[in-house]
Amino acid sequence: QPKPPPVSRISAEDTAMIQRAVIY
């Protein structure tokens, strides 16, 4: 099978957003 395309990296903005959402 052809190798799947590399998974796109999470943007810095989305990384910061989802980490800010952590409450515990």
mmCIF file of all heavy atoms, coordinates in Angstrom:
data_MODEL
# 
_entry.id   MODEL 
# 
loop_
_atom_site.group_PDB 
_atom_site.id 
_atom_site.type_symbol 
_atom_site.label_atom_id 
_atom_site.label_alt_id 
_atom_site.label_comp_id 
_atom_site.label_asym_id 
_atom_site.label_entity_id 
_atom_site.label_seq_id 
_atom_site.pdbx_PDB_ins_code 
_atom_site.Cartn_x 
_atom_site.Cartn_y 
_atom_site.Cartn_z 
_atom_site.occupancy 
_atom_site.B_iso_or_equiv 
_atom_site.pdbx_formal_charge 
_atom_site.auth_seq_id 
_atom_site.auth_comp_id 
_atom_site.auth_asym_id 
_atom_site.auth_atom_id 
_atom_site.pdbx_PDB_model_num 
ATOM 1   N N   . GLN A 1 1  ? 0.823   -1.197 0.000  1.00 0.00 ? 1  GLN A N   1 
ATOM 2   C CA  . GLN A 1 1  ? 0.000   0.000  0.000  1.00 0.00 ? 1  GLN A CA  1 
ATOM 3   C C   . GLN A 1 1  ? 0.863   1.256  0.000  1.00 0.00 ? 1  GLN A C   1 
ATOM 4   O O   . GLN A 1 1  ? 1.920   1.289  0.627  1.00 0.00 ? 1  GLN A O   1 
ATOM 5   C CB  . GLN A 1 1  ? -0.907  0.019  1.238  1.00 0.00 ? 1  GLN A CB  1 
ATOM 6   C CG  . GLN A 1 1  ? -1.872  -1.158 1.284  1.00 0.00 ? 1  GLN A CG  1 
ATOM 7   C CD  . GLN A 1 1  ? -2.816  -1.148 0.112  1.00 0.00 ? 1  GLN A CD  1 
ATOM 8   O OE1 . GLN A 1 1  ? -3.575  -0.209 -0.078 1.00 0.00 ? 1  GLN A OE1 1 
ATOM 9   N NE2 . GLN A 1 1  ? -2.775  -2.203 -0.687 1.00 0.00 ? 1  GLN A NE2 1 
ATOM 10  N N   . PRO A 1 2  ? 0.433   2.288  -0.712 1.00 0.00 ? 2  PRO A N   1 
ATOM 11  C CA  . PRO A 1 2  ? 1.185   3.542  -0.653 1.00 0.00 ? 2  PRO A CA  1 
ATOM 12  C C   . PRO A 1 2  ? 1.161   4.107  0.756  1.00 0.00 ? 2  PRO A C   1 
ATOM 13  O O   . PRO A 1 2  ? 0.178   3.984  1.473  1.00 0.00 ? 2  PRO A O   1 
ATOM 14  C CB  . PRO A 1 2  ? 0.419   4.458  -1.624 1.00 0.00 ? 2  PRO A CB  1 
ATOM 15  C CG  . PRO A 1 2  ? -0.960  3.870  -1.696 1.00 0.00 ? 2  PRO A CG  1 
ATOM 16  C CD  . PRO A 1 2  ? -0.778  2.393  -1.538 1.00 0.00 ? 2  PRO A CD  1 
ATOM 17  N N   . LYS A 1 3  ? 2.270   4.698  1.140  1.00 0.00 ? 3  LYS A N   1 
ATOM 18  C CA  . LYS A 1 3  ? 2.327   5.260  2.477  1.00 0.00 ? 3  LYS A CA  1 
ATOM 19  C C   . LYS A 1 3  ? 1.390   6.453  2.593  1.00 0.00 ? 3  LYS A C   1 
ATOM 20  O O   . LYS A 1 3  ? 1.296   7.265  1.675  1.00 0.00 ? 3  LYS A O   1 
ATOM 21  C CB  . LYS A 1 3  ? 3.758   5.695  2.802  1.00 0.00 ? 3  LYS A CB  1 
ATOM 22  C CG  . LYS A 1 3  ? 4.732   4.526  2.916  1.00 0.00 ? 3  LYS A CG  1 
ATOM 23  C CD  . LYS A 1 3  ? 6.107   5.010  3.334  1.00 0.00 ? 3  LYS A CD  1 
ATOM 24  C CE  . LYS A 1 3  ? 7.061   3.826  3.495  1.00 0.00 ? 3  LYS A CE  1 
ATOM 25  N NZ  . LYS A 1 3  ? 8.416   4.272  3.916  1.00 0.00 ? 3  LYS A NZ  1 
ATOM 26  N N   . PRO A 1 4  ? 0.664   6.533  3.708  1.00 0.00 ? 4  PRO A N   1 
ATOM 27  C CA  . PRO A 1 4  ? -0.250  7.666  3.870  1.00 0.00 ? 4  PRO A CA  1 
ATOM 28  C C   . PRO A 1 4  ? 0.535   8.967  3.964  1.00 0.00 ? 4  PRO A C   1 
ATOM 29  O O   . PRO A 1 4  ? 1.692   8.978  4.387  1.00 0.00 ? 4  PRO A O   1 
ATOM 30  C CB  . PRO A 1 4  ? -0.963  7.350  5.194  1.00 0.00 ? 4  PRO A CB  1 
ATOM 31  C CG  . PRO A 1 4  ? -0.013  6.480  5.937  1.00 0.00 ? 4  PRO A CG  1 
ATOM 32  C CD  . PRO A 1 4  ? 0.695   5.667  4.890  1.00 0.00 ? 4  PRO A CD  1 
ATOM 33  N N   . PRO A 1 5  ? -0.087  10.061 3.569  1.00 0.00 ? 5  PRO A N   1 
ATOM 34  C CA  . PRO A 1 5  ? 0.604   11.343 3.680  1.00 0.00 ? 5  PRO A CA  1 
ATOM 35  C C   . PRO A 1 5  ? 0.871   11.659 5.146  1.00 0.00 ? 5  PRO A C   1 
ATOM 36  O O   . PRO A 1 5  ? 0.142   11.203 6.034  1.00 0.00 ? 5  PRO A O   1 
ATOM 37  C CB  . PRO A 1 5  ? -0.404  12.341 3.088  1.00 0.00 ? 5  PRO A CB  1 
ATOM 38  C CG  . PRO A 1 5  ? -1.736  11.663 3.217  1.00 0.00 ? 5  PRO A CG  1 
ATOM 39  C CD  . PRO A 1 5  ? -1.452  10.206 3.067  1.00 0.00 ? 5  PRO A CD  1 
ATOM 40  N N   . PRO A 1 6  ? 1.912   12.401 5.427  1.00 0.00 ? 6  PRO A N   1 
ATOM 41  C CA  . PRO A 1 6  ? 2.212   12.723 6.826  1.00 0.00 ? 6  PRO A CA  1 
ATOM 42  C C   . PRO A 1 6  ? 1.071   13.489 7.458  1.00 0.00 ? 6  PRO A C   1 
ATOM 43  O O   . PRO A 1 6  ? 0.420   14.314 6.810  1.00 0.00 ? 6  PRO A O   1 
ATOM 44  C CB  . PRO A 1 6  ? 3.481   13.591 6.729  1.00 0.00 ? 6  PRO A CB  1 
ATOM 45  C CG  . PRO A 1 6  ? 3.477   14.120 5.328  1.00 0.00 ? 6  PRO A CG  1 
ATOM 46  C CD  . PRO A 1 6  ? 2.846   13.041 4.500  1.00 0.00 ? 6  PRO A CD  1 
ATOM 47  N N   . VAL A 1 7  ? 0.831   13.191 8.725  1.00 0.00 ? 7  VAL A N   1 
ATOM 48  C CA  . VAL A 1 7  ? -0.243  13.856 9.446  1.00 0.00 ? 7  VAL A CA  1 
ATOM 49  C C   . VAL A 1 7  ? 0.134   15.318 9.666  1.00 0.00 ? 7  VAL A C   1 
ATOM 50  O O   . VAL A 1 7  ? 1.254   15.630 10.089 1.00 0.00 ? 7  VAL A O   1 
ATOM 51  C CB  . VAL A 1 7  ? -0.486  13.167 10.807 1.00 0.00 ? 7  VAL A CB  1 
ATOM 52  C CG1 . VAL A 1 7  ? -1.572  13.898 11.580 1.00 0.00 ? 7  VAL A CG1 1 
ATOM 53  C CG2 . VAL A 1 7  ? -0.851  11.707 10.596 1.00 0.00 ? 7  VAL A CG2 1 
ATOM 54  N N   . SER A 1 8  ? -0.785  16.201 9.343  1.00 0.00 ? 8  SER A N   1 
ATOM 55  C CA  . SER A 1 8  ? -0.498  17.612 9.500  1.00 0.00 ? 8  SER A CA  1 
ATOM 56  C C   . SER A 1 8  ? -0.292  17.947 10.976 1.00 0.00 ? 8  SER A C   1 
ATOM 57  O O   . SER A 1 8  ? -0.988  17.425 11.844 1.00 0.00 ? 8  SER A O   1 
ATOM 58  C CB  . SER A 1 8  ? -1.630  18.462 8.928  1.00 0.00 ? 8  SER A CB  1 
ATOM 59  O OG  . SER A 1 8  ? -2.844  18.161 9.581  1.00 0.00 ? 8  SER A OG  1 
ATOM 60  N N   . ARG A 1 9  ? 0.630   18.842 11.246 1.00 0.00 ? 9  ARG A N   1 
ATOM 61  C CA  . ARG A 1 9  ? 0.918   19.204 12.619 1.00 0.00 ? 9  ARG A CA  1 
ATOM 62  C C   . ARG A 1 9  ? -0.150  20.155 13.144 1.00 0.00 ? 9  ARG A C   1 
ATOM 63  O O   . ARG A 1 9  ? -0.759  20.921 12.395 1.00 0.00 ? 9  ARG A O   1 
ATOM 64  C CB  . ARG A 1 9  ? 2.291   19.862 12.691 1.00 0.00 ? 9  ARG A CB  1 
ATOM 65  C CG  . ARG A 1 9  ? 3.429   18.934 12.257 1.00 0.00 ? 9  ARG A CG  1 
ATOM 66  C CD  . ARG A 1 9  ? 4.755   19.592 12.512 1.00 0.00 ? 9  ARG A CD  1 
ATOM 67  N NE  . ARG A 1 9  ? 4.956   19.816 13.936 1.00 0.00 ? 9  ARG A NE  1 
ATOM 68  C CZ  . ARG A 1 9  ? 6.040   20.423 14.433 1.00 0.00 ? 9  ARG A CZ  1 
ATOM 69  N NH1 . ARG A 1 9  ? 6.990   20.854 13.630 1.00 0.00 ? 9  ARG A NH1 1 
ATOM 70  N NH2 . ARG A 1 9  ? 6.162   20.604 15.733 1.00 0.00 ? 9  ARG A NH2 1 
ATOM 71  N N   . ILE A 1 10 ? -0.370  20.090 14.427 1.00 0.00 ? 10 ILE A N   1 
ATOM 72  C CA  . ILE A 1 10 ? -1.331  20.981 15.068 1.00 0.00 ? 10 ILE A CA  1 
ATOM 73  C C   . ILE A 1 10 ? -0.699  22.363 15.173 1.00 0.00 ? 10 ILE A C   1 
ATOM 74  O O   . ILE A 1 10 ? 0.461   22.488 15.587 1.00 0.00 ? 10 ILE A O   1 
ATOM 75  C CB  . ILE A 1 10 ? -1.719  20.448 16.455 1.00 0.00 ? 10 ILE A CB  1 
ATOM 76  C CG1 . ILE A 1 10 ? -2.292  19.039 16.341 1.00 0.00 ? 10 ILE A CG1 1 
ATOM 77  C CG2 . ILE A 1 10 ? -2.713  21.376 17.131 1.00 0.00 ? 10 ILE A CG2 1 
ATOM 78  C CD1 . ILE A 1 10 ? -2.493  18.344 17.672 1.00 0.00 ? 10 ILE A CD1 1 
ATOM 79  N N   . SER A 1 11 ? -1.438  23.384 14.822 1.00 0.00 ? 11 SER A N   1 
ATOM 80  C CA  . SER A 1 11 ? -0.891  24.739 14.863 1.00 0.00 ? 11 SER A CA  1 
ATOM 81  C C   . SER A 1 11 ? -0.594  25.149 16.300 1.00 0.00 ? 11 SER A C   1 
ATOM 82  O O   . SER A 1 11 ? -1.155  24.610 17.261 1.00 0.00 ? 11 SER A O   1 
ATOM 83  C CB  . SER A 1 11 ? -1.890  25.728 14.247 1.00 0.00 ? 11 SER A CB  1 
ATOM 84  O OG  . SER A 1 11 ? -3.023  25.873 15.078 1.00 0.00 ? 11 SER A OG  1 
ATOM 85  N N   . ALA A 1 12 ? 0.272   26.131 16.420 1.00 0.00 ? 12 ALA A N   1 
ATOM 86  C CA  . ALA A 1 12 ? 0.615   26.647 17.744 1.00 0.00 ? 12 ALA A CA  1 
ATOM 87  C C   . ALA A 1 12 ? -0.609  27.239 18.428 1.00 0.00 ? 12 ALA A C   1 
ATOM 88  O O   . ALA A 1 12 ? -0.779  27.108 19.650 1.00 0.00 ? 12 ALA A O   1 
ATOM 89  C CB  . ALA A 1 12 ? 1.721   27.694 17.623 1.00 0.00 ? 12 ALA A CB  1 
ATOM 90  N N   . GLU A 1 13 ? -1.467  27.884 17.616 1.00 0.00 ? 13 GLU A N   1 
ATOM 91  C CA  . GLU A 1 13 ? -2.676  28.480 18.178 1.00 0.00 ? 13 GLU A CA  1 
ATOM 92  C C   . GLU A 1 13 ? -3.616  27.420 18.740 1.00 0.00 ? 13 GLU A C   1 
ATOM 93  O O   . GLU A 1 13 ? -4.156  27.575 19.848 1.00 0.00 ? 13 GLU A O   1 
ATOM 94  C CB  . GLU A 1 13 ? -3.398  29.308 17.112 1.00 0.00 ? 13 GLU A CB  1 
ATOM 95  C CG  . GLU A 1 13 ? -2.671  30.559 16.668 1.00 0.00 ? 13 GLU A CG  1 
ATOM 96  C CD  . GLU A 1 13 ? -1.548  30.274 15.678 1.00 0.00 ? 13 GLU A CD  1 
ATOM 97  O OE1 . GLU A 1 13 ? -1.418  29.119 15.215 1.00 0.00 ? 13 GLU A OE1 1 
ATOM 98  O OE2 . GLU A 1 13 ? -0.802  31.217 15.359 1.00 0.00 ? 13 GLU A OE2 1 
ATOM 99  N N   . ASP A 1 14 ? -3.807  26.320 17.980 1.00 0.00 ? 14 ASP A N   1 
ATOM 100 C CA  . ASP A 1 14 ? -4.686  25.258 18.456 1.00 0.00 ? 14 ASP A CA  1 
ATOM 101 C C   . ASP A 1 14 ? -4.088  24.521 19.643 1.00 0.00 ? 14 ASP A C   1 
ATOM 102 O O   . ASP A 1 14 ? -4.807  24.088 20.554 1.00 0.00 ? 14 ASP A O   1 
ATOM 103 C CB  . ASP A 1 14 ? -4.991  24.269 17.327 1.00 0.00 ? 14 ASP A CB  1 
ATOM 104 C CG  . ASP A 1 14 ? -6.111  24.750 16.420 1.00 0.00 ? 14 ASP A CG  1 
ATOM 105 O OD1 . ASP A 1 14 ? -6.817  25.704 16.810 1.00 0.00 ? 14 ASP A OD1 1 
ATOM 106 O OD2 . ASP A 1 14 ? -6.290  24.176 15.329 1.00 0.00 ? 14 ASP A OD2 1 
ATOM 107 N N   . THR A 1 15 ? -2.760  24.365 19.644 1.00 0.00 ? 15 THR A N   1 
ATOM 108 C CA  . THR A 1 15 ? -2.099  23.733 20.786 1.00 0.00 ? 15 THR A CA  1 
ATOM 109 C C   . THR A 1 15 ? -2.336  24.544 22.053 1.00 0.00 ? 15 THR A C   1 
ATOM 110 O O   . THR A 1 15 ? -2.700  23.996 23.107 1.00 0.00 ? 15 THR A O   1 
ATOM 111 C CB  . THR A 1 15 ? -0.586  23.604 20.528 1.00 0.00 ? 15 THR A CB  1 
ATOM 112 O OG1 . THR A 1 15 ? -0.374  22.717 19.427 1.00 0.00 ? 15 THR A OG1 1 
ATOM 113 C CG2 . THR A 1 15 ? 0.128   23.068 21.760 1.00 0.00 ? 15 THR A CG2 1 
ATOM 114 N N   . ALA A 1 16 ? -2.158  25.850 21.941 1.00 0.00 ? 16 ALA A N   1 
ATOM 115 C CA  . ALA A 1 16 ? -2.365  26.716 23.104 1.00 0.00 ? 16 ALA A CA  1 
ATOM 116 C C   . ALA A 1 16 ? -3.819  26.691 23.543 1.00 0.00 ? 16 ALA A C   1 
ATOM 117 O O   . ALA A 1 16 ? -4.127  26.636 24.741 1.00 0.00 ? 16 ALA A O   1 
ATOM 118 C CB  . ALA A 1 16 ? -1.937  28.142 22.779 1.00 0.00 ? 16 ALA A CB  1 
ATOM 119 N N   . MET A 1 17 ? -4.740  26.701 22.571 1.00 0.00 ? 17 MET A N   1 
ATOM 120 C CA  . MET A 1 17 ? -6.171  26.703 22.891 1.00 0.00 ? 17 MET A CA  1 
ATOM 121 C C   . MET A 1 17 ? -6.581  25.444 23.645 1.00 0.00 ? 17 MET A C   1 
ATOM 122 O O   . MET A 1 17 ? -7.238  25.521 24.685 1.00 0.00 ? 17 MET A O   1 
ATOM 123 C CB  . MET A 1 17 ? -6.988  26.830 21.600 1.00 0.00 ? 17 MET A CB  1 
ATOM 124 C CG  . MET A 1 17 ? -8.503  26.807 21.781 1.00 0.00 ? 17 MET A CG  1 
ATOM 125 S SD  . MET A 1 17 ? -9.235  25.130 21.876 1.00 0.00 ? 17 MET A SD  1 
ATOM 126 C CE  . MET A 1 17 ? -8.831  24.475 20.241 1.00 0.00 ? 17 MET A CE  1 
ATOM 127 N N   . ILE A 1 18 ? -6.191  24.280 23.145 1.00 0.00 ? 18 ILE A N   1 
ATOM 128 C CA  . ILE A 1 18 ? -6.652  23.032 23.754 1.00 0.00 ? 18 ILE A CA  1 
ATOM 129 C C   . ILE A 1 18 ? -5.963  22.811 25.100 1.00 0.00 ? 18 ILE A C   1 
ATOM 130 O O   . ILE A 1 18 ? -6.556  22.231 26.028 1.00 0.00 ? 18 ILE A O   1 
ATOM 131 C CB  . ILE A 1 18 ? -6.434  21.828 22.806 1.00 0.00 ? 18 ILE A CB  1 
ATOM 132 C CG1 . ILE A 1 18 ? -7.330  20.651 23.198 1.00 0.00 ? 18 ILE A CG1 1 
ATOM 133 C CG2 . ILE A 1 18 ? -4.983  21.424 22.731 1.00 0.00 ? 18 ILE A CG2 1 
ATOM 134 C CD1 . ILE A 1 18 ? -8.803  20.893 22.998 1.00 0.00 ? 18 ILE A CD1 1 
ATOM 135 N N   . GLN A 1 19 ? -4.724  23.284 25.253 1.00 0.00 ? 19 GLN A N   1 
ATOM 136 C CA  . GLN A 1 19 ? -4.047  23.148 26.542 1.00 0.00 ? 19 GLN A CA  1 
ATOM 137 C C   . GLN A 1 19 ? -4.630  24.105 27.584 1.00 0.00 ? 19 GLN A C   1 
ATOM 138 O O   . GLN A 1 19 ? -4.695  23.773 28.772 1.00 0.00 ? 19 GLN A O   1 
ATOM 139 C CB  . GLN A 1 19 ? -2.544  23.354 26.376 1.00 0.00 ? 19 GLN A CB  1 
ATOM 140 C CG  . GLN A 1 19 ? -1.871  22.218 25.611 1.00 0.00 ? 19 GLN A CG  1 
ATOM 141 C CD  . GLN A 1 19 ? -0.368  22.358 25.509 1.00 0.00 ? 19 GLN A CD  1 
ATOM 142 O OE1 . GLN A 1 19 ? 0.196   23.381 25.908 1.00 0.00 ? 19 GLN A OE1 1 
ATOM 143 N NE2 . GLN A 1 19 ? 0.298   21.346 24.970 1.00 0.00 ? 19 GLN A NE2 1 
ATOM 144 N N   . ARG A 1 20 ? -5.078  25.275 27.139 1.00 0.00 ? 20 ARG A N   1 
ATOM 145 C CA  . ARG A 1 20 ? -5.756  26.194 28.064 1.00 0.00 ? 20 ARG A CA  1 
ATOM 146 C C   . ARG A 1 20 ? -7.066  25.614 28.563 1.00 0.00 ? 20 ARG A C   1 
ATOM 147 O O   . ARG A 1 20 ? -7.548  25.980 29.646 1.00 0.00 ? 20 ARG A O   1 
ATOM 148 C CB  . ARG A 1 20 ? -6.036  27.542 27.385 1.00 0.00 ? 20 ARG A CB  1 
ATOM 149 C CG  . ARG A 1 20 ? -4.849  28.464 27.256 1.00 0.00 ? 20 ARG A CG  1 
ATOM 150 C CD  . ARG A 1 20 ? -5.306  29.889 26.948 1.00 0.00 ? 20 ARG A CD  1 
ATOM 151 N NE  . ARG A 1 20 ? -6.186  29.946 25.786 1.00 0.00 ? 20 ARG A NE  1 
ATOM 152 C CZ  . ARG A 1 20 ? -5.771  30.135 24.543 1.00 0.00 ? 20 ARG A CZ  1 
ATOM 153 N NH1 . ARG A 1 20 ? -4.482  30.260 24.284 1.00 0.00 ? 20 ARG A NH1 1 
ATOM 154 N NH2 . ARG A 1 20 ? -6.654  30.209 23.554 1.00 0.00 ? 20 ARG A NH2 1 
ATOM 155 N N   . ALA A 1 21 ? -7.654  24.728 27.783 1.00 0.00 ? 21 ALA A N   1 
ATOM 156 C CA  . ALA A 1 21 ? -8.951  24.152 28.144 1.00 0.00 ? 21 ALA A CA  1 
ATOM 157 C C   . ALA A 1 21 ? -8.844  23.113 29.262 1.00 0.00 ? 21 ALA A C   1 
ATOM 158 O O   . ALA A 1 21 ? -9.860  22.705 29.825 1.00 0.00 ? 21 ALA A O   1 
ATOM 159 C CB  . ALA A 1 21 ? -9.610  23.520 26.918 1.00 0.00 ? 21 ALA A CB  1 
ATOM 160 N N   . VAL A 1 22 ? -7.624  22.677 29.599 1.00 0.00 ? 22 VAL A N   1 
ATOM 161 C CA  . VAL A 1 22 ? -7.446  21.644 30.636 1.00 0.00 ? 22 VAL A CA  1 
ATOM 162 C C   . VAL A 1 22 ? -7.804  22.223 32.005 1.00 0.00 ? 22 VAL A C   1 
ATOM 163 O O   . VAL A 1 22 ? -7.277  23.250 32.428 1.00 0.00 ? 22 VAL A O   1 
ATOM 164 C CB  . VAL A 1 22 ? -5.995  21.122 30.648 1.00 0.00 ? 22 VAL A CB  1 
ATOM 165 C CG1 . VAL A 1 22 ? -5.793  20.154 31.814 1.00 0.00 ? 22 VAL A CG1 1 
ATOM 166 C CG2 . VAL A 1 22 ? -5.667  20.436 29.323 1.00 0.00 ? 22 VAL A CG2 1 
ATOM 167 N N   . ILE A 1 23 ? -8.730  21.546 32.694 1.00 0.00 ? 23 ILE A N   1 
ATOM 168 C CA  . ILE A 1 23 ? -9.105  21.980 34.040 1.00 0.00 ? 23 ILE A CA  1 
ATOM 169 C C   . ILE A 1 23 ? -8.667  20.983 35.113 1.00 0.00 ? 23 ILE A C   1 
ATOM 170 O O   . ILE A 1 23 ? -8.708  21.289 36.299 1.00 0.00 ? 23 ILE A O   1 
ATOM 171 C CB  . ILE A 1 23 ? -10.636 22.211 34.145 1.00 0.00 ? 23 ILE A CB  1 
ATOM 172 C CG1 . ILE A 1 23 ? -11.407 20.951 33.735 1.00 0.00 ? 23 ILE A CG1 1 
ATOM 173 C CG2 . ILE A 1 23 ? -11.054 23.407 33.311 1.00 0.00 ? 23 ILE A CG2 1 
ATOM 174 C CD1 . ILE A 1 23 ? -12.917 21.071 33.904 1.00 0.00 ? 23 ILE A CD1 1 
ATOM 175 N N   . TYR A 1 24 ? -8.245  19.794 34.693 1.00 0.00 ? 24 TYR A N   1 
ATOM 176 C CA  . TYR A 1 24 ? -7.738  18.805 35.653 1.00 0.00 ? 24 TYR A CA  1 
ATOM 177 C C   . TYR A 1 24 ? -6.844  17.842 34.897 1.00 0.00 ? 24 TYR A C   1 
ATOM 178 O O   . TYR A 1 24 ? -7.134  17.448 33.755 1.00 0.00 ? 24 TYR A O   1 
ATOM 179 C CB  . TYR A 1 24 ? -8.881  18.033 36.312 1.00 0.00 ? 24 TYR A CB  1 
ATOM 180 C CG  . TYR A 1 24 ? -8.395  16.967 37.273 1.00 0.00 ? 24 TYR A CG  1 
ATOM 181 C CD1 . TYR A 1 24 ? -8.104  17.273 38.603 1.00 0.00 ? 24 TYR A CD1 1 
ATOM 182 C CD2 . TYR A 1 24 ? -8.199  15.661 36.838 1.00 0.00 ? 24 TYR A CD2 1 
ATOM 183 C CE1 . TYR A 1 24 ? -7.625  16.301 39.473 1.00 0.00 ? 24 TYR A CE1 1 
ATOM 184 C CE2 . TYR A 1 24 ? -7.720  14.685 37.704 1.00 0.00 ? 24 TYR A CE2 1 
ATOM 185 C CZ  . TYR A 1 24 ? -7.434  15.005 39.014 1.00 0.00 ? 24 TYR A CZ  1 
ATOM 186 O OH  . TYR A 1 24 ? -6.946  14.047 39.873 1.00 0.00 ? 24 TYR A OH  1 
# 
